[in-house]
Amino acid sequence: MDENGKEYFVHVPSKHICKPVKLSSFETPEFKRLERKDIAFEGKSKTEELKIDKSRILKLPDFEFRPGKNGNPEGTLVIFDSKGKSTIYEYFYSTSHETYICLKCQVKNRRVTAKIHVDGKNGEKYIELSKTEHICEPKKDEFSARVINHSNFMIVDREDKTNPAKAIVFTSKEKELCYEFRFY
């Protein structure tokens, strides 16, 4: 069950080392096909597991999402250091674990994670931090220096394969020098 009481099943077929079998091999007199209403699970539902330590919760504006390296608009989670917004901890999204992981701590063999939750009442996202503390130092937030104003770049779109689309990024307001990026 998810936090909204909806039932779901998590399955990653690519992780199987066995081969799927025909359903007909199970339909024998020894086995009875059950309906969902006939099954009662003993394990905890996810709604019971969601008892979250309030001291480990971060709400906006203490974090933000930024594009990841492969274009995912929420591929990077930035958590602002408690000392101010000029230093940050940067997390990457792990699809296999469905959580964000601090890369600098991961390199030092420490797993510091953050999980996204959605408030069922107002629909706002919030972050649950892991109990593991950072062993890395926060880094200076240089993201705004990397953001290029629309007047300092242009996109040249060509529809043929010999001259693909390009982004031209100027180095100054005078637009005398530029970098050329090709789209692949």
C-alpha atoms as a PDB file:
ATOM      1  CA  MET A   1       0.000   0.000   0.000  1.00  0.00           C
ATOM      2  CA  ASP A   2       1.227   3.485  -0.751  1.00  0.00           C
ATOM      3  CA  GLU A   3       0.758   6.527   1.480  1.00  0.00           C
ATOM      4  CA  ASN A   4      -2.667   7.092  -0.116  1.00  0.00           C
ATOM      5  CA  GLY A   5      -3.888   3.572   0.694  1.00  0.00           C
ATOM      6  CA  LYS A   6      -3.622   2.329  -2.907  1.00  0.00           C
ATOM      7  CA  GLU A   7      -2.255  -1.151  -3.477  1.00  0.00           C
ATOM      8  CA  TYR A   8       0.725  -1.611  -5.801  1.00  0.00           C
ATOM      9  CA  PHE A   9       3.307  -4.231  -6.713  1.00  0.00           C
ATOM     10  CA  VAL A  10       6.970  -3.466  -7.435  1.00  0.00           C
ATOM     11  CA  HIS A  11       8.583  -5.703 -10.037  1.00  0.00           C
ATOM     12  CA  VAL A  12      11.831  -5.288 -11.963  1.00  0.00           C
ATOM     13  CA  PRO A  13      11.880  -8.024 -14.638  1.00  0.00           C
ATOM     14  CA  SER A  14      15.454  -7.209 -15.677  1.00  0.00           C
ATOM     15  CA  LYS A  15      16.769  -8.395 -12.274  1.00  0.00           C
ATOM     16  CA  HIS A  16      15.540 -11.971 -12.738  1.00  0.00           C
ATOM     17  CA  ILE A  17      18.160 -14.634 -13.387  1.00  0.00           C
ATOM     18  CA  CYS A  18      15.473 -17.253 -14.027  1.00  0.00           C
ATOM     19  CA  LYS A  19      13.181 -17.595 -17.035  1.00  0.00           C
ATOM     20  CA  PRO A  20       9.420 -16.974 -16.841  1.00  0.00           C
ATOM     21  CA  VAL A  21       7.235 -20.095 -16.810  1.00  0.00           C
ATOM     22  CA  LYS A  22       3.903 -20.785 -18.461  1.00  0.00           C
ATOM     23  CA  LEU A  23       0.915 -20.065 -16.245  1.00  0.00           C
ATOM     24  CA  SER A  24      -0.618 -23.374 -17.280  1.00  0.00           C
ATOM     25  CA  SER A  25       2.148 -25.209 -15.366  1.00  0.00           C
ATOM     26  CA  PHE A  26       0.709 -23.799 -12.116  1.00  0.00           C
ATOM     27  CA  GLU A  27      -2.939 -24.511 -12.827  1.00  0.00           C
ATOM     28  CA  THR A  28      -3.085 -28.025 -11.415  1.00  0.00           C
ATOM     29  CA  PRO A  29      -5.457 -29.581  -8.841  1.00  0.00           C
ATOM     30  CA  GLU A  30      -2.885 -28.913  -6.070  1.00  0.00           C
ATOM     31  CA  PHE A  31      -2.973 -25.152  -6.684  1.00  0.00           C
ATOM     32  CA  LYS A  32      -5.956 -22.883  -6.348  1.00  0.00           C
ATOM     33  CA  ARG A  33      -6.121 -19.502  -8.074  1.00  0.00           C
ATOM     34  CA  LEU A  34      -7.082 -16.860  -5.515  1.00  0.00           C
ATOM     35  CA  GLU A  35      -8.684 -13.496  -5.987  1.00  0.00           C
ATOM     36  CA  ARG A  36      -7.104 -10.485  -4.297  1.00  0.00           C
ATOM     37  CA  LYS A  37      -9.925 -10.396  -1.718  1.00  0.00           C
ATOM     38  CA  ASP A  38      -8.890 -13.917  -0.609  1.00  0.00           C
ATOM     39  CA  ILE A  39      -5.323 -12.868   0.272  1.00  0.00           C
ATOM     40  CA  ALA A  40      -4.350 -11.261   3.584  1.00  0.00           C
ATOM     41  CA  PHE A  41      -0.736 -10.118   3.840  1.00  0.00           C
ATOM     42  CA  GLU A  42       0.911 -10.280   7.243  1.00  0.00           C
ATOM     43  CA  GLY A  43       3.639  -7.730   6.476  1.00  0.00           C
ATOM     44  CA  LYS A  44       3.454  -4.039   7.231  1.00  0.00           C
ATOM     45  CA  SER A  45       1.852  -1.796   4.678  1.00  0.00           C
ATOM     46  CA  LYS A  46       3.757   1.228   3.456  1.00  0.00           C
ATOM     47  CA  THR A  47       1.286   3.494   5.260  1.00  0.00           C
ATOM     48  CA  GLU A  48       2.412   1.994   8.568  1.00  0.00           C
ATOM     49  CA  GLU A  49       6.074   2.424   7.610  1.00  0.00           C
ATOM     50  CA  LEU A  50       5.622   6.118   6.912  1.00  0.00           C
ATOM     51  CA  LYS A  51       6.104   7.130  10.523  1.00  0.00           C
ATOM     52  CA  ILE A  52       8.772   9.700   9.727  1.00  0.00           C
ATOM     53  CA  ASP A  53      11.099  11.371  12.194  1.00  0.00           C
ATOM     54  CA  LYS A  54      10.069  15.037  11.942  1.00  0.00           C
ATOM     55  CA  SER A  55      13.643  16.215  12.604  1.00  0.00           C
ATOM     56  CA  ARG A  56      14.730  14.518   9.346  1.00  0.00           C
ATOM     57  CA  ILE A  57      12.159  16.386   7.185  1.00  0.00           C
ATOM     58  CA  LEU A  58      13.041  19.234   4.817  1.00  0.00           C
ATOM     59  CA  LYS A  59      10.452  21.379   3.105  1.00  0.00           C
ATOM     60  CA  LEU A  60      10.741  24.041   0.445  1.00  0.00           C
ATOM     61  CA  PRO A  61      12.719  26.353   0.201  1.00  0.00           C
ATOM     62  CA  ASP A  62      15.427  24.268   1.967  1.00  0.00           C
ATOM     63  CA  PHE A  63      15.907  22.122  -1.135  1.00  0.00           C
ATOM     64  CA  GLU A  64      15.364  22.272  -4.885  1.00  0.00           C
ATOM     65  CA  PHE A  65      15.545  20.009  -7.907  1.00  0.00           C
ATOM     66  CA  ARG A  66      17.896  20.677 -10.792  1.00  0.00           C
ATOM     67  CA  PRO A  67      18.412  18.914 -14.114  1.00  0.00           C
ATOM     68  CA  GLY A  68      20.544  15.792 -13.964  1.00  0.00           C
ATOM     69  CA  LYS A  69      23.384  14.993 -16.338  1.00  0.00           C
ATOM     70  CA  ASN A  70      21.133  12.911 -18.600  1.00  0.00           C
ATOM     71  CA  GLY A  71      18.412  15.543 -18.928  1.00  0.00           C
ATOM     72  CA  ASN A  72      16.039  14.452 -16.151  1.00  0.00           C
ATOM     73  CA  PRO A  73      14.637  17.777 -14.845  1.00  0.00           C
ATOM     74  CA  GLU A  74      14.641  16.369 -11.289  1.00  0.00           C
ATOM     75  CA  GLY A  75      17.815  14.290 -11.679  1.00  0.00           C
ATOM     76  CA  THR A  76      19.756  16.285  -9.085  1.00  0.00           C
ATOM     77  CA  LEU A  77      18.532  17.158  -5.625  1.00  0.00           C
ATOM     78  CA  VAL A  78      20.186  20.160  -3.992  1.00  0.00           C
ATOM     79  CA  ILE A  79      19.880  20.567  -0.250  1.00  0.00           C
ATOM     80  CA  PHE A  80      20.974  23.934   1.031  1.00  0.00           C
ATOM     81  CA  ASP A  81      23.379  23.843   3.949  1.00  0.00           C
ATOM     82  CA  SER A  82      21.886  25.061   7.214  1.00  0.00           C
ATOM     83  CA  LYS A  83      24.554  27.799   7.299  1.00  0.00           C
ATOM     84  CA  GLY A  84      23.089  29.479   4.206  1.00  0.00           C
ATOM     85  CA  LYS A  85      22.119  29.041   0.578  1.00  0.00           C
ATOM     86  CA  SER A  86      25.654  29.638  -0.703  1.00  0.00           C
ATOM     87  CA  THR A  87      26.756  26.069   0.135  1.00  0.00           C
ATOM     88  CA  ILE A  88      24.934  22.891  -0.831  1.00  0.00           C
ATOM     89  CA  TYR A  89      24.884  19.120  -0.668  1.00  0.00           C
ATOM     90  CA  GLU A  90      24.225  17.593  -4.077  1.00  0.00           C
ATOM     91  CA  TYR A  91      22.425  14.265  -4.509  1.00  0.00           C
ATOM     92  CA  PHE A  92      21.929  12.207  -7.677  1.00  0.00           C
ATOM     93  CA  TYR A  93      18.836  10.104  -8.330  1.00  0.00           C
ATOM     94  CA  SER A  94      19.301   6.347  -8.195  1.00  0.00           C
ATOM     95  CA  THR A  95      16.562   4.689 -10.231  1.00  0.00           C
ATOM     96  CA  SER A  96      17.399   1.239  -8.848  1.00  0.00           C
ATOM     97  CA  HIS A  97      16.922   2.433  -5.245  1.00  0.00           C
ATOM     98  CA  GLU A  98      14.284   5.092  -6.030  1.00  0.00           C
ATOM     99  CA  THR A  99      16.081   7.554  -3.794  1.00  0.00           C
ATOM    100  CA  TYR A 100      18.612  10.371  -3.989  1.00  0.00           C
ATOM    101  CA  ILE A 101      22.188   9.643  -2.877  1.00  0.00           C
ATOM    102  CA  CYS A 102      24.989  12.042  -1.907  1.00  0.00           C
ATOM    103  CA  LEU A 103      27.703  11.243  -4.451  1.00  0.00           C
ATOM    104  CA  LYS A 104      30.581  12.753  -2.447  1.00  0.00           C
ATOM    105  CA  CYS A 105      29.708  10.603   0.578  1.00  0.00           C
ATOM    106  CA  GLN A 106      29.101   7.550  -1.632  1.00  0.00           C
ATOM    107  CA  VAL A 107      32.665   7.873  -2.968  1.00  0.00           C
ATOM    108  CA  LYS A 108      33.854   7.726   0.670  1.00  0.00           C
ATOM    109  CA  ASN A 109      31.759   4.561   1.268  1.00  0.00           C
ATOM    110  CA  ARG A 110      29.044   6.306   3.279  1.00  0.00           C
ATOM    111  CA  ARG A 111      25.457   6.101   2.085  1.00  0.00           C
ATOM    112  CA  VAL A 112      23.627   9.368   2.760  1.00  0.00           C
ATOM    113  CA  THR A 113      20.207   9.409   1.128  1.00  0.00           C
ATOM    114  CA  ALA A 114      17.122  11.553   0.744  1.00  0.00           C
ATOM    115  CA  LYS A 115      13.678  10.300  -0.203  1.00  0.00           C
ATOM    116  CA  ILE A 116      10.881  12.341  -1.769  1.00  0.00           C
ATOM    117  CA  HIS A 117       7.414  12.215  -0.258  1.00  0.00           C
ATOM    118  CA  VAL A 118       4.246  14.023  -1.243  1.00  0.00           C
ATOM    119  CA  ASP A 119       1.997  15.492   1.422  1.00  0.00           C
ATOM    120  CA  GLY A 120      -1.410  13.875   0.913  1.00  0.00           C
ATOM    121  CA  LYS A 121      -3.223  16.969   2.174  1.00  0.00           C
ATOM    122  CA  ASN A 122      -1.693  19.717   0.038  1.00  0.00           C
ATOM    123  CA  GLY A 123       0.264  17.810  -2.649  1.00  0.00           C
ATOM    124  CA  GLU A 124       3.579  19.495  -1.756  1.00  0.00           C
ATOM    125  CA  LYS A 125       6.814  17.564  -2.024  1.00  0.00           C
ATOM    126  CA  TYR A 126       9.061  17.213   0.994  1.00  0.00           C
ATOM    127  CA  ILE A 127      12.314  15.388   1.645  1.00  0.00           C
ATOM    128  CA  GLU A 128      13.082  12.769   4.289  1.00  0.00           C
ATOM    129  CA  LEU A 129      16.800  12.652   5.073  1.00  0.00           C
ATOM    130  CA  SER A 130      18.474   9.403   6.096  1.00  0.00           C
ATOM    131  CA  LYS A 131      19.811   9.017   9.625  1.00  0.00           C
ATOM    132  CA  THR A 132      23.324   8.723   8.219  1.00  0.00           C
ATOM    133  CA  GLU A 133      25.232  12.006   8.483  1.00  0.00           C
ATOM    134  CA  HIS A 134      27.443  13.473   5.762  1.00  0.00           C
ATOM    135  CA  ILE A 135      31.181  12.910   5.949  1.00  0.00           C
ATOM    136  CA  CYS A 136      31.713  15.185   2.957  1.00  0.00           C
ATOM    137  CA  GLU A 137      31.845  18.949   3.144  1.00  0.00           C
ATOM    138  CA  PRO A 138      29.148  21.052   1.502  1.00  0.00           C
ATOM    139  CA  LYS A 139      30.267  22.634  -1.753  1.00  0.00           C
ATOM    140  CA  LYS A 140      29.873  26.170  -3.014  1.00  0.00           C
ATOM    141  CA  ASP A 141      26.717  26.604  -5.075  1.00  0.00           C
ATOM    142  CA  GLU A 142      27.886  27.714  -8.516  1.00  0.00           C
ATOM    143  CA  PHE A 143      24.705  26.806 -10.391  1.00  0.00           C
ATOM    144  CA  SER A 144      23.536  30.383 -10.961  1.00  0.00           C
ATOM    145  CA  ALA A 145      26.910  31.231 -12.550  1.00  0.00           C
ATOM    146  CA  ARG A 146      26.365  28.400 -15.060  1.00  0.00           C
ATOM    147  CA  VAL A 147      22.877  29.537 -16.063  1.00  0.00           C
ATOM    148  CA  ILE A 148      23.045  31.463 -19.322  1.00  0.00           C
ATOM    149  CA  ASN A 149      20.597  34.272 -20.027  1.00  0.00           C
ATOM    150  CA  HIS A 150      18.583  33.818 -23.247  1.00  0.00           C
ATOM    151  CA  SER A 151      20.248  36.883 -24.796  1.00  0.00           C
ATOM    152  CA  ASN A 152      23.666  35.165 -24.550  1.00  0.00           C
ATOM    153  CA  PHE A 153      22.883  32.058 -26.572  1.00  0.00           C
ATOM    154  CA  MET A 154      20.980  30.996 -29.650  1.00  0.00           C
ATOM    155  CA  ILE A 155      19.828  27.728 -31.130  1.00  0.00           C
ATOM    156  CA  VAL A 156      20.458  27.023 -34.795  1.00  0.00           C
ATOM    157  CA  ASP A 157      18.130  24.268 -35.930  1.00  0.00           C
ATOM    158  CA  ARG A 158      18.994  22.464 -39.145  1.00  0.00           C
ATOM    159  CA  GLU A 159      16.890  19.613 -40.369  1.00  0.00           C
ATOM    160  CA  ASP A 160      19.556  17.713 -42.291  1.00  0.00           C
ATOM    161  CA  LYS A 161      21.851  15.005 -40.934  1.00  0.00           C
ATOM    162  CA  THR A 162      25.109  16.611 -42.101  1.00  0.00           C
ATOM    163  CA  ASN A 163      24.444  19.803 -40.105  1.00  0.00           C
ATOM    164  CA  PRO A 164      22.594  18.916 -36.875  1.00  0.00           C
ATOM    165  CA  ALA A 165      21.078  21.451 -34.478  1.00  0.00           C
ATOM    166  CA  LYS A 166      23.571  23.632 -32.606  1.00  0.00           C
ATOM    167  CA  ALA A 167      23.602  25.833 -29.567  1.00  0.00           C
ATOM    168  CA  ILE A 168      25.805  28.910 -29.865  1.00  0.00           C
ATOM    169  CA  VAL A 169      26.867  30.293 -26.465  1.00  0.00           C
ATOM    170  CA  PHE A 170      28.499  33.712 -26.433  1.00  0.00           C
ATOM    171  CA  THR A 171      31.293  34.480 -23.972  1.00  0.00           C
ATOM    172  CA  SER A 172      30.336  38.145 -23.495  1.00  0.00           C
ATOM    173  CA  LYS A 173      27.620  40.714 -24.204  1.00  0.00           C
ATOM    174  CA  GLU A 174      29.581  41.900 -27.254  1.00  0.00           C
ATOM    175  CA  LYS A 175      29.060  38.453 -28.836  1.00  0.00           C
ATOM    176  CA  GLU A 176      32.465  38.365 -30.495  1.00  0.00           C
ATOM    177  CA  LEU A 177      33.480  34.911 -29.247  1.00  0.00           C
ATOM    178  CA  CYS A 178      31.311  31.844 -28.739  1.00  0.00           C
ATOM    179  CA  TYR A 179      31.247  28.145 -27.995  1.00  0.00           C
ATOM    180  CA  GLU A 180      29.426  25.837 -30.375  1.00  0.00           C
ATOM    181  CA  PHE A 181      27.542  22.812 -29.051  1.00  0.00           C
ATOM    182  CA  ARG A 182      26.117  20.184 -31.388  1.00  0.00           C
ATOM    183  CA  PHE A 183      23.087  18.124 -30.493  1.00  0.00           C
ATOM    184  CA  TYR A 184      23.598  14.358 -30.685  1.00  0.00           C
END
